[in-house]
Amino acid sequence: MSLLGEYLDASKRQSSRGRCLHFDSGERCKEIISVHSIQKMGQLQHIAEDNHVYRMNADISTLRKTHGKPLPKRVGIGKASTFPGFCKPHDNAVFEPIDNFPLFPSLEQIALYSFRCLCREYFVKENMVQVLKNSLGSKDLHRNDQVFLSETLRGASLGLEGLRHHKYYYDNALRAHLHGEFEYVCFKSASRCSLQLSGLLYPDFDFLGRQIQDLSDWSTPPGLITFFTAPTNGGWAFVFAWHTSSGYFCRPFIQSLAQRISQGAKPEDLILRFVFSCCENHAIRISWWDGLSEQSKQAILDKVCLMIDPDVLIPSDYLVSGCEGLADWKFDEVLSGY
């Protein structure tokens, strides 16, 4: 996952014309625009300082300079979290219920936020596969690089097939307005927010360290969960959401989160740990990060590093502990829709 940003940037340098990821796209989709996977006005502006945020940067040039460690990078909110995935008419029409209204949440809003998470990852993975194929065609590749890129391509292709499988269910549900096929749990907060994000995960281990599904077995596509932040009338919310086709895996994953909370763990700690362990598409309030101790920053970077090195085995307890006491927000209410 350390290369996602690089593949995303590479794809943005290509032509703006492409395929619209809308569930009912067609010949009328003429020009693909750059859209925000995290809202600029409703979310990024809420945490921006001088119209800038931090983004965790783990591209190849950064990792070479830091010997494999990611670093926060200051970016303007006009460029943060963007991807060229929709034509302007579809982006305006489809996402109007979430771009122009706070999260209530309604099932339609949950479905649309979740769909946008999926589409952003689909776009990145699709372009990642294409860039890898192009790179493997180079005659100047060393043998070791060729092996590494080939293995990366194999993994990216499997990931894309999995996303294609889930997008089929999402497309059909949204096309038929079957928003009731989506389930969620929503943590609402009236306090200050220092993170905004959008992502997805094939859950492997839960918050108790138990295996949810074996990600080495792709005989059938693994279950998928999405997660995102969103503005509300009284503040903001963090949401886990999934299509019912993945419910067999997602429900026990969420139930483990509830069990940890019932045992006394703070939901703020659990979710911050999850975010930095499982998400590469987030925006960070600059003053919050700069105000952390070096030890706290390193604790977060250690979690982020789990996504970087493909040779590192993910420990089963990676969501069980770490990064306690770093969140500067408090959740006031939990809404369940599953």
C-alpha atoms as a PDB file:
ATOM      1  CA  MET A   1       0.000   0.000   0.000  1.00  0.00           C
ATOM      2  CA  SER A   2       2.997   2.314   0.272  1.00  0.00           C
ATOM      3  CA  LEU A   3       2.896   2.847  -3.469  1.00  0.00           C
ATOM      4  CA  LEU A   4      -0.761   3.879  -3.703  1.00  0.00           C
ATOM      5  CA  GLY A   5      -0.018   7.580  -3.567  1.00  0.00           C
ATOM      6  CA  GLU A   6       2.564   7.255  -6.302  1.00  0.00           C
ATOM      7  CA  TYR A   7       0.224   5.333  -8.590  1.00  0.00           C
ATOM      8  CA  LEU A   8      -2.529   7.842  -7.862  1.00  0.00           C
ATOM      9  CA  ASP A   9      -0.273  10.762  -8.756  1.00  0.00           C
ATOM     10  CA  ALA A  10       0.889   8.968 -11.899  1.00  0.00           C
ATOM     11  CA  SER A  11      -2.669   8.404 -13.020  1.00  0.00           C
ATOM     12  CA  LYS A  12      -3.547  12.065 -12.463  1.00  0.00           C
ATOM     13  CA  ARG A  13      -0.828  13.006 -14.923  1.00  0.00           C
ATOM     14  CA  GLN A  14      -2.659  11.035 -17.579  1.00  0.00           C
ATOM     15  CA  SER A  15      -5.525  12.437 -19.661  1.00  0.00           C
ATOM     16  CA  SER A  16      -8.569  13.706 -17.735  1.00  0.00           C
ATOM     17  CA  ARG A  17     -10.754  11.672 -20.095  1.00  0.00           C
ATOM     18  CA  GLY A  18     -11.530   8.198 -18.798  1.00  0.00           C
ATOM     19  CA  ARG A  19     -14.244   5.921 -17.469  1.00  0.00           C
ATOM     20  CA  CYS A  20     -16.839   7.232 -15.070  1.00  0.00           C
ATOM     21  CA  LEU A  21     -17.255   4.937 -12.048  1.00  0.00           C
ATOM     22  CA  HIS A  22     -20.924   5.797 -11.657  1.00  0.00           C
ATOM     23  CA  PHE A  23     -23.172   2.730 -11.385  1.00  0.00           C
ATOM     24  CA  ASP A  24     -25.051   3.715 -14.539  1.00  0.00           C
ATOM     25  CA  SER A  25     -22.364   5.403 -16.649  1.00  0.00           C
ATOM     26  CA  GLY A  26     -22.475   5.393 -20.425  1.00  0.00           C
ATOM     27  CA  GLU A  27     -21.530   7.268 -23.552  1.00  0.00           C
ATOM     28  CA  ARG A  28     -22.802  10.529 -22.076  1.00  0.00           C
ATOM     29  CA  CYS A  29     -19.867  10.587 -19.637  1.00  0.00           C
ATOM     30  CA  LYS A  30     -17.513  12.777 -21.661  1.00  0.00           C
ATOM     31  CA  GLU A  31     -15.001  14.292 -19.255  1.00  0.00           C
ATOM     32  CA  ILE A  32     -13.821  12.866 -15.956  1.00  0.00           C
ATOM     33  CA  ILE A  33     -13.181  15.512 -13.308  1.00  0.00           C
ATOM     34  CA  SER A  34     -11.081  15.469 -10.161  1.00  0.00           C
ATOM     35  CA  VAL A  35     -13.408  14.853  -7.206  1.00  0.00           C
ATOM     36  CA  HIS A  36     -12.814  14.750  -3.459  1.00  0.00           C
ATOM     37  CA  SER A  37     -13.119  11.424  -1.662  1.00  0.00           C
ATOM     38  CA  ILE A  38     -13.142  13.551   1.510  1.00  0.00           C
ATOM     39  CA  GLN A  39     -15.356  16.609   1.108  1.00  0.00           C
ATOM     40  CA  LYS A  40     -13.467  19.877   0.722  1.00  0.00           C
ATOM     41  CA  MET A  41     -16.063  22.170   2.270  1.00  0.00           C
ATOM     42  CA  GLY A  42     -17.859  19.915   4.755  1.00  0.00           C
ATOM     43  CA  GLN A  43     -14.823  18.046   6.057  1.00  0.00           C
ATOM     44  CA  LEU A  44     -11.373  19.252   4.986  1.00  0.00           C
ATOM     45  CA  GLN A  45     -12.174  22.883   5.673  1.00  0.00           C
ATOM     46  CA  HIS A  46     -13.288  21.871   9.170  1.00  0.00           C
ATOM     47  CA  ILE A  47      -9.761  20.787  10.164  1.00  0.00           C
ATOM     48  CA  ALA A  48      -7.674  22.918   7.791  1.00  0.00           C
ATOM     49  CA  GLU A  49      -5.279  25.529   9.112  1.00  0.00           C
ATOM     50  CA  ASP A  50      -4.310  28.189   6.594  1.00  0.00           C
ATOM     51  CA  ASN A  51      -6.205  26.016   4.069  1.00  0.00           C
ATOM     52  CA  HIS A  52      -3.735  23.168   4.562  1.00  0.00           C
ATOM     53  CA  VAL A  53      -3.731  19.752   6.213  1.00  0.00           C
ATOM     54  CA  TYR A  54      -1.209  16.985   6.692  1.00  0.00           C
ATOM     55  CA  ARG A  55      -1.335  13.851   4.589  1.00  0.00           C
ATOM     56  CA  MET A  56       0.752  10.832   5.528  1.00  0.00           C
ATOM     57  CA  ASN A  57       3.237  10.510   2.687  1.00  0.00           C
ATOM     58  CA  ALA A  58       4.709   7.093   1.860  1.00  0.00           C
ATOM     59  CA  ASP A  59       5.739   7.347  -1.768  1.00  0.00           C
ATOM     60  CA  ILE A  60       8.977   5.797  -2.984  1.00  0.00           C
ATOM     61  CA  SER A  61      11.078   8.983  -2.832  1.00  0.00           C
ATOM     62  CA  THR A  62      10.051   9.640   0.784  1.00  0.00           C
ATOM     63  CA  LEU A  63      10.671   6.064   1.875  1.00  0.00           C
ATOM     64  CA  ARG A  64      14.132   6.102   0.320  1.00  0.00           C
ATOM     65  CA  LYS A  65      15.054   9.275   2.205  1.00  0.00           C
ATOM     66  CA  THR A  66      13.695   8.051   5.546  1.00  0.00           C
ATOM     67  CA  HIS A  67      14.775   4.391   5.249  1.00  0.00           C
ATOM     68  CA  GLY A  68      11.225   3.132   4.980  1.00  0.00           C
ATOM     69  CA  LYS A  69       9.360   5.530   7.285  1.00  0.00           C
ATOM     70  CA  PRO A  70       6.352   7.605   6.165  1.00  0.00           C
ATOM     71  CA  LEU A  71       6.171  11.308   6.949  1.00  0.00           C
ATOM     72  CA  PRO A  72       3.314  13.811   7.169  1.00  0.00           C
ATOM     73  CA  LYS A  73       3.240  16.153   4.195  1.00  0.00           C
ATOM     74  CA  ARG A  74       1.549  19.558   4.145  1.00  0.00           C
ATOM     75  CA  VAL A  75      -0.988  19.796   1.290  1.00  0.00           C
ATOM     76  CA  GLY A  76      -3.639  22.317   0.299  1.00  0.00           C
ATOM     77  CA  ILE A  77      -7.252  21.226   0.773  1.00  0.00           C
ATOM     78  CA  GLY A  78      -7.904  21.789  -2.916  1.00  0.00           C
ATOM     79  CA  LYS A  79      -5.611  18.860  -3.718  1.00  0.00           C
ATOM     80  CA  ALA A  80      -6.118  16.617  -0.707  1.00  0.00           C
ATOM     81  CA  SER A  81      -7.935  13.315  -1.287  1.00  0.00           C
ATOM     82  CA  THR A  82      -8.865  14.005  -4.921  1.00  0.00           C
ATOM     83  CA  PHE A  83      -9.195  11.387  -7.657  1.00  0.00           C
ATOM     84  CA  PRO A  84     -10.507  11.590 -11.240  1.00  0.00           C
ATOM     85  CA  GLY A  85     -13.328   9.078 -10.984  1.00  0.00           C
ATOM     86  CA  PHE A  86     -16.606  10.688 -12.089  1.00  0.00           C
ATOM     87  CA  CYS A  87     -17.956  12.971 -14.752  1.00  0.00           C
ATOM     88  CA  LYS A  88     -19.288  16.275 -13.400  1.00  0.00           C
ATOM     89  CA  PRO A  89     -23.026  15.589 -14.005  1.00  0.00           C
ATOM     90  CA  HIS A  90     -22.892  12.228 -12.225  1.00  0.00           C
ATOM     91  CA  ASP A  91     -20.775  13.524  -9.344  1.00  0.00           C
ATOM     92  CA  ASN A  92     -23.158  16.438  -8.756  1.00  0.00           C
ATOM     93  CA  ALA A  93     -26.349  14.400  -9.047  1.00  0.00           C
ATOM     94  CA  VAL A  94     -25.399  11.199  -7.271  1.00  0.00           C
ATOM     95  CA  PHE A  95     -23.612  12.658  -4.257  1.00  0.00           C
ATOM     96  CA  GLU A  96     -25.880  15.656  -3.700  1.00  0.00           C
ATOM     97  CA  PRO A  97     -27.513  14.028  -0.591  1.00  0.00           C
ATOM     98  CA  ILE A  98     -24.111  13.868   1.142  1.00  0.00           C
ATOM     99  CA  ASP A  99     -22.278  16.842  -0.336  1.00  0.00           C
ATOM    100  CA  ASN A 100     -25.035  19.353   0.400  1.00  0.00           C
ATOM    101  CA  PHE A 101     -26.538  17.926   3.597  1.00  0.00           C
ATOM    102  CA  PRO A 102     -25.118  16.856   6.969  1.00  0.00           C
ATOM    103  CA  LEU A 103     -25.146  13.185   7.878  1.00  0.00           C
ATOM    104  CA  PHE A 104     -28.371  12.290   9.718  1.00  0.00           C
ATOM    105  CA  PRO A 105     -27.679   9.409   8.970  1.00  0.00           C
ATOM    106  CA  SER A 106     -30.134   8.076   6.401  1.00  0.00           C
ATOM    107  CA  LEU A 107     -29.555   4.750   4.685  1.00  0.00           C
ATOM    108  CA  GLU A 108     -29.173   6.586   1.376  1.00  0.00           C
ATOM    109  CA  GLN A 109     -26.390   8.721   2.827  1.00  0.00           C
ATOM    110  CA  ILE A 110     -24.669   5.670   4.297  1.00  0.00           C
ATOM    111  CA  ALA A 111     -24.848   3.911   0.924  1.00  0.00           C
ATOM    112  CA  LEU A 112     -23.435   6.914  -0.952  1.00  0.00           C
ATOM    113  CA  TYR A 113     -20.544   7.536   1.435  1.00  0.00           C
ATOM    114  CA  SER A 114     -19.697   3.825   1.324  1.00  0.00           C
ATOM    115  CA  PHE A 115     -19.943   3.813  -2.481  1.00  0.00           C
ATOM    116  CA  ARG A 116     -17.541   6.737  -2.748  1.00  0.00           C
ATOM    117  CA  CYS A 117     -15.049   4.910  -0.499  1.00  0.00           C
ATOM    118  CA  LEU A 118     -15.248   1.917  -2.815  1.00  0.00           C
ATOM    119  CA  CYS A 119     -14.938   3.957  -6.009  1.00  0.00           C
ATOM    120  CA  ARG A 120     -11.858   5.808  -4.823  1.00  0.00           C
ATOM    121  CA  GLU A 121     -10.105   2.542  -3.960  1.00  0.00           C
ATOM    122  CA  TYR A 122     -11.297   0.961  -7.215  1.00  0.00           C
ATOM    123  CA  PHE A 123      -9.818   3.843  -9.194  1.00  0.00           C
ATOM    124  CA  VAL A 124      -6.497   3.662  -7.338  1.00  0.00           C
ATOM    125  CA  LYS A 125      -6.219  -0.108  -7.657  1.00  0.00           C
ATOM    126  CA  GLU A 126      -7.176  -0.101 -11.348  1.00  0.00           C
ATOM    127  CA  ASN A 127      -4.524   2.485 -12.127  1.00  0.00           C
ATOM    128  CA  MET A 128      -2.020   0.707  -9.917  1.00  0.00           C
ATOM    129  CA  VAL A 129      -2.451  -2.435 -12.001  1.00  0.00           C
ATOM    130  CA  GLN A 130      -1.998  -0.498 -15.242  1.00  0.00           C
ATOM    131  CA  VAL A 131       1.117   1.340 -14.024  1.00  0.00           C
ATOM    132  CA  LEU A 132       2.645  -1.944 -12.845  1.00  0.00           C
ATOM    133  CA  LYS A 133       1.968  -3.579 -16.201  1.00  0.00           C
ATOM    134  CA  ASN A 134       3.579  -0.646 -17.979  1.00  0.00           C
ATOM    135  CA  SER A 135       6.588  -0.760 -15.633  1.00  0.00           C
ATOM    136  CA  LEU A 136       7.094  -4.476 -16.195  1.00  0.00           C
ATOM    137  CA  GLY A 137       7.350  -3.768 -19.913  1.00  0.00           C
ATOM    138  CA  SER A 138      10.541  -1.776 -19.393  1.00  0.00           C
ATOM    139  CA  LYS A 139      13.692  -3.377 -20.777  1.00  0.00           C
ATOM    140  CA  ASP A 140      15.840  -1.670 -18.122  1.00  0.00           C
ATOM    141  CA  LEU A 141      14.338  -3.478 -15.126  1.00  0.00           C
ATOM    142  CA  HIS A 142      16.727  -5.380 -12.892  1.00  0.00           C
ATOM    143  CA  ARG A 143      15.806  -8.958 -12.053  1.00  0.00           C
ATOM    144  CA  ASN A 144      15.010  -8.179  -8.404  1.00  0.00           C
ATOM    145  CA  ASP A 145      12.794  -5.249  -9.388  1.00  0.00           C
ATOM    146  CA  GLN A 146      11.020  -7.410 -11.929  1.00  0.00           C
ATOM    147  CA  VAL A 147      10.246 -10.062  -9.313  1.00  0.00           C
ATOM    148  CA  PHE A 148       9.040  -7.447  -6.827  1.00  0.00           C
ATOM    149  CA  LEU A 149       6.813  -5.713  -9.377  1.00  0.00           C
ATOM    150  CA  SER A 150       5.423  -9.036 -10.596  1.00  0.00           C
ATOM    151  CA  GLU A 151       4.434 -10.057  -7.075  1.00  0.00           C
ATOM    152  CA  THR A 152       2.970  -6.616  -6.425  1.00  0.00           C
ATOM    153  CA  LEU A 153       0.988  -6.850  -9.653  1.00  0.00           C
ATOM    154  CA  ARG A 154      -0.369 -10.237  -8.650  1.00  0.00           C
ATOM    155  CA  GLY A 155      -1.580  -8.869  -5.320  1.00  0.00           C
ATOM    156  CA  ALA A 156      -3.002  -5.701  -6.891  1.00  0.00           C
ATOM    157  CA  SER A 157      -4.844  -7.727  -9.536  1.00  0.00           C
ATOM    158  CA  LEU A 158      -6.426  -9.912  -6.860  1.00  0.00           C
ATOM    159  CA  GLY A 159      -7.430  -6.794  -4.950  1.00  0.00           C
ATOM    160  CA  LEU A 160      -8.977  -5.287  -8.053  1.00  0.00           C
ATOM    161  CA  GLU A 161     -10.954  -8.453  -8.730  1.00  0.00           C
ATOM    162  CA  GLY A 162     -12.264  -8.310  -5.190  1.00  0.00           C
ATOM    163  CA  LEU A 163     -13.295  -4.674  -5.607  1.00  0.00           C
ATOM    164  CA  ARG A 164     -14.965  -5.485  -8.919  1.00  0.00           C
ATOM    165  CA  HIS A 165     -16.955  -8.204  -7.133  1.00  0.00           C
ATOM    166  CA  HIS A 166     -18.143  -5.796  -4.432  1.00  0.00           C
ATOM    167  CA  LYS A 167     -18.813  -2.949  -6.844  1.00  0.00           C
ATOM    168  CA  TYR A 168     -21.283  -5.232  -8.629  1.00  0.00           C
ATOM    169  CA  TYR A 169     -23.374  -5.422  -5.440  1.00  0.00           C
ATOM    170  CA  TYR A 170     -23.008  -1.707  -4.738  1.00  0.00           C
ATOM    171  CA  ASP A 171     -23.952  -0.736  -8.294  1.00  0.00           C
ATOM    172  CA  ASN A 172     -27.044  -2.929  -8.309  1.00  0.00           C
ATOM    173  CA  ALA A 173     -28.224  -1.683  -4.912  1.00  0.00           C
ATOM    174  CA  LEU A 174     -27.775   1.989  -5.780  1.00  0.00           C
ATOM    175  CA  ARG A 175     -29.256   1.615  -9.244  1.00  0.00           C
ATOM    176  CA  ALA A 176     -32.408   0.103  -7.727  1.00  0.00           C
ATOM    177  CA  HIS A 177     -32.410   2.481  -4.711  1.00  0.00           C
ATOM    178  CA  LEU A 178     -32.082  -0.513  -2.373  1.00  0.00           C
ATOM    179  CA  HIS A 179     -30.369   1.500   0.364  1.00  0.00           C
ATOM    180  CA  GLY A 180     -31.652  -0.945   2.961  1.00  0.00           C
ATOM    181  CA  GLU A 181     -28.990  -3.399   1.755  1.00  0.00           C
ATOM    182  CA  PHE A 182     -26.397  -1.324   3.602  1.00  0.00           C
ATOM    183  CA  GLU A 183     -25.600  -1.652   7.305  1.00  0.00           C
ATOM    184  CA  TYR A 184     -23.567   0.588   9.575  1.00  0.00           C
ATOM    185  CA  VAL A 185     -22.487   1.755  12.997  1.00  0.00           C
ATOM    186  CA  CYS A 186     -22.064   5.493  13.534  1.00  0.00           C
ATOM    187  CA  PHE A 187     -20.050   7.233  16.279  1.00  0.00           C
ATOM    188  CA  LYS A 188     -21.137  10.869  16.662  1.00  0.00           C
ATOM    189  CA  SER A 189     -19.129  13.641  18.260  1.00  0.00           C
ATOM    190  CA  ALA A 190     -19.702  17.285  19.116  1.00  0.00           C
ATOM    191  CA  SER A 191     -16.045  17.872  19.997  1.00  0.00           C
ATOM    192  CA  ARG A 192     -13.201  19.146  17.854  1.00  0.00           C
ATOM    193  CA  CYS A 193     -12.105  16.864  15.033  1.00  0.00           C
ATOM    194  CA  SER A 194      -8.477  16.400  14.027  1.00  0.00           C
ATOM    195  CA  LEU A 195      -8.851  13.653  11.406  1.00  0.00           C
ATOM    196  CA  GLN A 196     -10.954  13.317   8.280  1.00  0.00           C
ATOM    197  CA  LEU A 197     -10.768  10.149   6.223  1.00  0.00           C
ATOM    198  CA  SER A 198     -12.268   7.723   3.767  1.00  0.00           C
ATOM    199  CA  GLY A 199     -11.239   4.121   3.185  1.00  0.00           C
ATOM    200  CA  LEU A 200     -12.036   0.440   3.109  1.00  0.00           C
ATOM    201  CA  LEU A 201     -10.668  -2.825   4.435  1.00  0.00           C
ATOM    202  CA  TYR A 202     -10.919  -6.550   3.967  1.00  0.00           C
ATOM    203  CA  PRO A 203     -11.016  -7.226   7.743  1.00  0.00           C
ATOM    204  CA  ASP A 204      -8.476  -9.861   8.712  1.00  0.00           C
ATOM    205  CA  PHE A 205      -8.309  -9.698  12.514  1.00  0.00           C
ATOM    206  CA  ASP A 206     -10.770  -8.047  14.885  1.00  0.00           C
ATOM    207  CA  PHE A 207     -10.328  -5.806  17.934  1.00  0.00           C
ATOM    208  CA  LEU A 208      -9.838  -8.897  20.121  1.00  0.00           C
ATOM    209  CA  GLY A 209      -7.095 -10.340  17.926  1.00  0.00           C
ATOM    210  CA  ARG A 210      -9.298 -13.079  16.483  1.00  0.00           C
ATOM    211  CA  GLN A 211      -9.138 -13.936  12.792  1.00  0.00           C
ATOM    212  CA  ILE A 212     -12.160 -12.755  10.831  1.00  0.00           C
ATOM    213  CA  GLN A 213     -11.161 -14.190   7.463  1.00  0.00           C
ATOM    214  CA  ASP A 214      -8.074 -15.701   5.839  1.00  0.00           C
ATOM    215  CA  LEU A 215      -6.772 -13.177   3.322  1.00  0.00           C
ATOM    216  CA  SER A 216      -4.344 -15.713   1.875  1.00  0.00           C
ATOM    217  CA  ASP A 217      -7.340 -17.575   0.438  1.00  0.00           C
ATOM    218  CA  TRP A 218      -8.877 -15.745  -2.520  1.00  0.00           C
ATOM    219  CA  SER A 219     -10.903 -18.681  -3.827  1.00  0.00           C
ATOM    220  CA  THR A 220     -13.858 -16.401  -3.079  1.00  0.00           C
ATOM    221  CA  PRO A 221     -13.607 -12.612  -2.687  1.00  0.00           C
ATOM    222  CA  PRO A 222     -13.219 -11.632   0.983  1.00  0.00           C
ATOM    223  CA  GLY A 223     -15.789  -9.531   2.825  1.00  0.00           C
ATOM    224  CA  LEU A 224     -15.350  -5.768   2.644  1.00  0.00           C
ATOM    225  CA  ILE A 225     -16.019  -2.957   5.118  1.00  0.00           C
ATOM    226  CA  THR A 226     -15.830   0.783   4.379  1.00  0.00           C
ATOM    227  CA  PHE A 227     -15.284   3.612   6.844  1.00  0.00           C
ATOM    228  CA  PHE A 228     -15.433   7.388   6.685  1.00  0.00           C
ATOM    229  CA  THR A 229     -15.914  10.610   8.595  1.00  0.00           C
ATOM    230  CA  ALA A 230     -18.787  12.961   7.810  1.00  0.00           C
ATOM    231  CA  PRO A 231     -20.173  16.309   9.011  1.00  0.00           C
ATOM    232  CA  THR A 232     -23.319  16.270  11.155  1.00  0.00           C
ATOM    233  CA  ASN A 233     -25.636  19.006  12.408  1.00  0.00           C
ATOM    234  CA  GLY A 234     -23.918  19.048  15.778  1.00  0.00           C
ATOM    235  CA  GLY A 235     -20.355  18.155  14.811  1.00  0.00           C
ATOM    236  CA  TRP A 236     -19.032  15.129  12.965  1.00  0.00           C
ATOM    237  CA  ALA A 237     -19.201  11.337  12.867  1.00  0.00           C
ATOM    238  CA  PHE A 238     -17.053   8.293  12.218  1.00  0.00           C
ATOM    239  CA  VAL A 239     -18.898   5.500  10.409  1.00  0.00           C
ATOM    240  CA  PHE A 240     -18.272   1.867   9.547  1.00  0.00           C
ATOM    241  CA  ALA A 241     -20.537   0.714   6.683  1.00  0.00           C
ATOM    242  CA  TRP A 242     -20.925  -2.378   4.521  1.00  0.00           C
ATOM    243  CA  HIS A 243     -23.216  -4.069   2.037  1.00  0.00           C
ATOM    244  CA  THR A 244     -25.172  -7.002   3.459  1.00  0.00           C
ATOM    245  CA  SER A 245     -23.266  -9.369   1.130  1.00  0.00           C
ATOM    246  CA  SER A 246     -20.267  -8.823   3.474  1.00  0.00           C
ATOM    247  CA  GLY A 247     -22.306  -8.926   6.669  1.00  0.00           C
ATOM    248  CA  TYR A 248     -21.070 -12.391   7.676  1.00  0.00           C
ATOM    249  CA  PHE A 249     -17.594 -10.914   8.220  1.00  0.00           C
ATOM    250  CA  CYS A 250     -18.384  -7.302   9.095  1.00  0.00           C
ATOM    251  CA  ARG A 251     -20.906  -7.907  11.870  1.00  0.00           C
ATOM    252  CA  PRO A 252     -18.510  -9.943  14.075  1.00  0.00           C
ATOM    253  CA  PHE A 253     -15.782  -7.376  13.364  1.00  0.00           C
ATOM    254  CA  ILE A 254     -18.022  -4.605  14.705  1.00  0.00           C
ATOM    255  CA  GLN A 255     -19.213  -6.780  17.575  1.00  0.00           C
ATOM    256  CA  SER A 256     -15.591  -7.195  18.699  1.00  0.00           C
ATOM    257  CA  LEU A 257     -15.328  -3.389  18.787  1.00  0.00           C
ATOM    258  CA  ALA A 258     -18.459  -3.240  20.948  1.00  0.00           C
ATOM    259  CA  GLN A 259     -17.062  -5.933  23.239  1.00  0.00           C
ATOM    260  CA  ARG A 260     -13.827  -4.010  23.768  1.00  0.00           C
ATOM    261  CA  ILE A 261     -15.814  -0.890  24.644  1.00  0.00           C
ATOM    262  CA  SER A 262     -17.948  -2.862  27.109  1.00  0.00           C
ATOM    263  CA  GLN A 263     -14.691  -4.057  28.709  1.00  0.00           C
ATOM    264  CA  GLY A 264     -13.606  -0.471  29.335  1.00  0.00           C
ATOM    265  CA  ALA A 265     -11.581   0.412  26.238  1.00  0.00           C
ATOM    266  CA  LYS A 266     -12.160   3.935  24.958  1.00  0.00           C
ATOM    267  CA  PRO A 267     -13.786   4.068  21.502  1.00  0.00           C
ATOM    268  CA  GLU A 268     -11.589   7.071  20.656  1.00  0.00           C
ATOM    269  CA  ASP A 269      -8.448   4.965  21.194  1.00  0.00           C
ATOM    270  CA  LEU A 270      -9.839   1.991  19.271  1.00  0.00           C
ATOM    271  CA  ILE A 271     -10.819   4.055  16.243  1.00  0.00           C
ATOM    272  CA  LEU A 272      -7.636   6.147  16.123  1.00  0.00           C
ATOM    273  CA  ARG A 273      -5.612   2.906  16.230  1.00  0.00           C
ATOM    274  CA  PHE A 274      -7.765   1.448  13.462  1.00  0.00           C
ATOM    275  CA  VAL A 275      -7.457   4.549  11.283  1.00  0.00           C
ATOM    276  CA  PHE A 276      -3.676   4.681  11.282  1.00  0.00           C
ATOM    277  CA  SER A 277      -3.334   0.907  10.945  1.00  0.00           C
ATOM    278  CA  CYS A 278      -5.797   0.460   8.087  1.00  0.00           C
ATOM    279  CA  CYS A 279      -6.287   3.723   6.170  1.00  0.00           C
ATOM    280  CA  GLU A 280      -3.959   5.624   3.837  1.00  0.00           C
ATOM    281  CA  ASN A 281      -6.513   8.208   2.702  1.00  0.00           C
ATOM    282  CA  HIS A 282      -6.800  10.672   5.541  1.00  0.00           C
ATOM    283  CA  ALA A 283      -6.260  14.339   6.312  1.00  0.00           C
ATOM    284  CA  ILE A 284      -4.735  15.423   9.628  1.00  0.00           C
ATOM    285  CA  ARG A 285      -5.072  18.699  11.516  1.00  0.00           C
ATOM    286  CA  ILE A 286      -1.574  20.215  11.421  1.00  0.00           C
ATOM    287  CA  SER A 287      -1.549  21.641  14.966  1.00  0.00           C
ATOM    288  CA  TRP A 288      -2.760  18.324  16.418  1.00  0.00           C
ATOM    289  CA  TRP A 289       0.101  16.380  14.838  1.00  0.00           C
ATOM    290  CA  ASP A 290       2.701  19.047  15.628  1.00  0.00           C
ATOM    291  CA  GLY A 291       1.533  19.088  19.257  1.00  0.00           C
ATOM    292  CA  LEU A 292       2.143  15.370  19.774  1.00  0.00           C
ATOM    293  CA  SER A 293       5.268  14.183  21.560  1.00  0.00           C
ATOM    294  CA  GLU A 294       7.921  12.437  19.494  1.00  0.00           C
ATOM    295  CA  GLN A 295       7.024   9.198  21.256  1.00  0.00           C
ATOM    296  CA  SER A 296       3.354   9.590  20.290  1.00  0.00           C
ATOM    297  CA  LYS A 297       4.227  10.406  16.698  1.00  0.00           C
ATOM    298  CA  GLN A 298       6.399   7.301  16.518  1.00  0.00           C
ATOM    299  CA  ALA A 299       3.589   5.160  17.944  1.00  0.00           C
ATOM    300  CA  ILE A 300       1.340   6.345  15.104  1.00  0.00           C
ATOM    301  CA  LEU A 301       4.037   5.895  12.459  1.00  0.00           C
ATOM    302  CA  ASP A 302       4.604   2.338  13.689  1.00  0.00           C
ATOM    303  CA  LYS A 303       0.937   1.623  12.950  1.00  0.00           C
ATOM    304  CA  VAL A 304       1.145   3.303   9.551  1.00  0.00           C
ATOM    305  CA  CYS A 305       4.202   1.179   8.712  1.00  0.00           C
ATOM    306  CA  LEU A 306       2.039  -1.943   8.883  1.00  0.00           C
ATOM    307  CA  MET A 307       0.671  -0.880   5.483  1.00  0.00           C
ATOM    308  CA  ILE A 308       4.037  -0.160   3.896  1.00  0.00           C
ATOM    309  CA  ASP A 309       6.291  -3.207   3.855  1.00  0.00           C
ATOM    310  CA  PRO A 310       4.732  -6.153   1.984  1.00  0.00           C
ATOM    311  CA  ASP A 311       7.230  -8.511   3.628  1.00  0.00           C
ATOM    312  CA  VAL A 312       6.080  -7.673   7.160  1.00  0.00           C
ATOM    313  CA  LEU A 313       3.593 -10.155   8.591  1.00  0.00           C
ATOM    314  CA  ILE A 314       0.611  -8.331  10.090  1.00  0.00           C
ATOM    315  CA  PRO A 315       0.324  -9.383  13.759  1.00  0.00           C
ATOM    316  CA  SER A 316      -3.062 -10.725  14.818  1.00  0.00           C
ATOM    317  CA  ASP A 317      -3.253  -8.219  17.690  1.00  0.00           C
ATOM    318  CA  TYR A 318      -2.525  -5.074  15.680  1.00  0.00           C
ATOM    319  CA  LEU A 319      -5.929  -3.618  16.591  1.00  0.00           C
ATOM    320  CA  VAL A 320      -5.780  -4.692  20.231  1.00  0.00           C
ATOM    321  CA  SER A 321      -3.410  -2.055  21.638  1.00  0.00           C
ATOM    322  CA  GLY A 322      -1.350   1.004  20.783  1.00  0.00           C
ATOM    323  CA  CYS A 323      -1.821   4.776  20.405  1.00  0.00           C
ATOM    324  CA  GLU A 324      -3.856   5.122  23.601  1.00  0.00           C
ATOM    325  CA  GLY A 325      -4.673   8.622  24.805  1.00  0.00           C
ATOM    326  CA  LEU A 326      -3.739  10.454  21.601  1.00  0.00           C
ATOM    327  CA  ALA A 327      -7.207  11.366  20.297  1.00  0.00           C
ATOM    328  CA  ASP A 328      -8.286  14.895  21.196  1.00  0.00           C
ATOM    329  CA  TRP A 329     -11.984  14.188  20.640  1.00  0.00           C
ATOM    330  CA  LYS A 330     -14.780  12.365  22.418  1.00  0.00           C
ATOM    331  CA  PHE A 331     -17.681  10.355  20.991  1.00  0.00           C
ATOM    332  CA  ASP A 332     -21.045  11.249  22.522  1.00  0.00           C
ATOM    333  CA  GLU A 333     -23.456   8.846  20.833  1.00  0.00           C
ATOM    334  CA  VAL A 334     -23.406   5.540  18.931  1.00  0.00           C
ATOM    335  CA  LEU A 335     -26.072   4.662  16.361  1.00  0.00           C
ATOM    336  CA  SER A 336     -26.408   1.118  15.079  1.00  0.00           C
ATOM    337  CA  GLY A 337     -27.963   0.131  11.770  1.00  0.00           C
ATOM    338  CA  TYR A 338     -27.361  -3.621  11.508  1.00  0.00           C
END
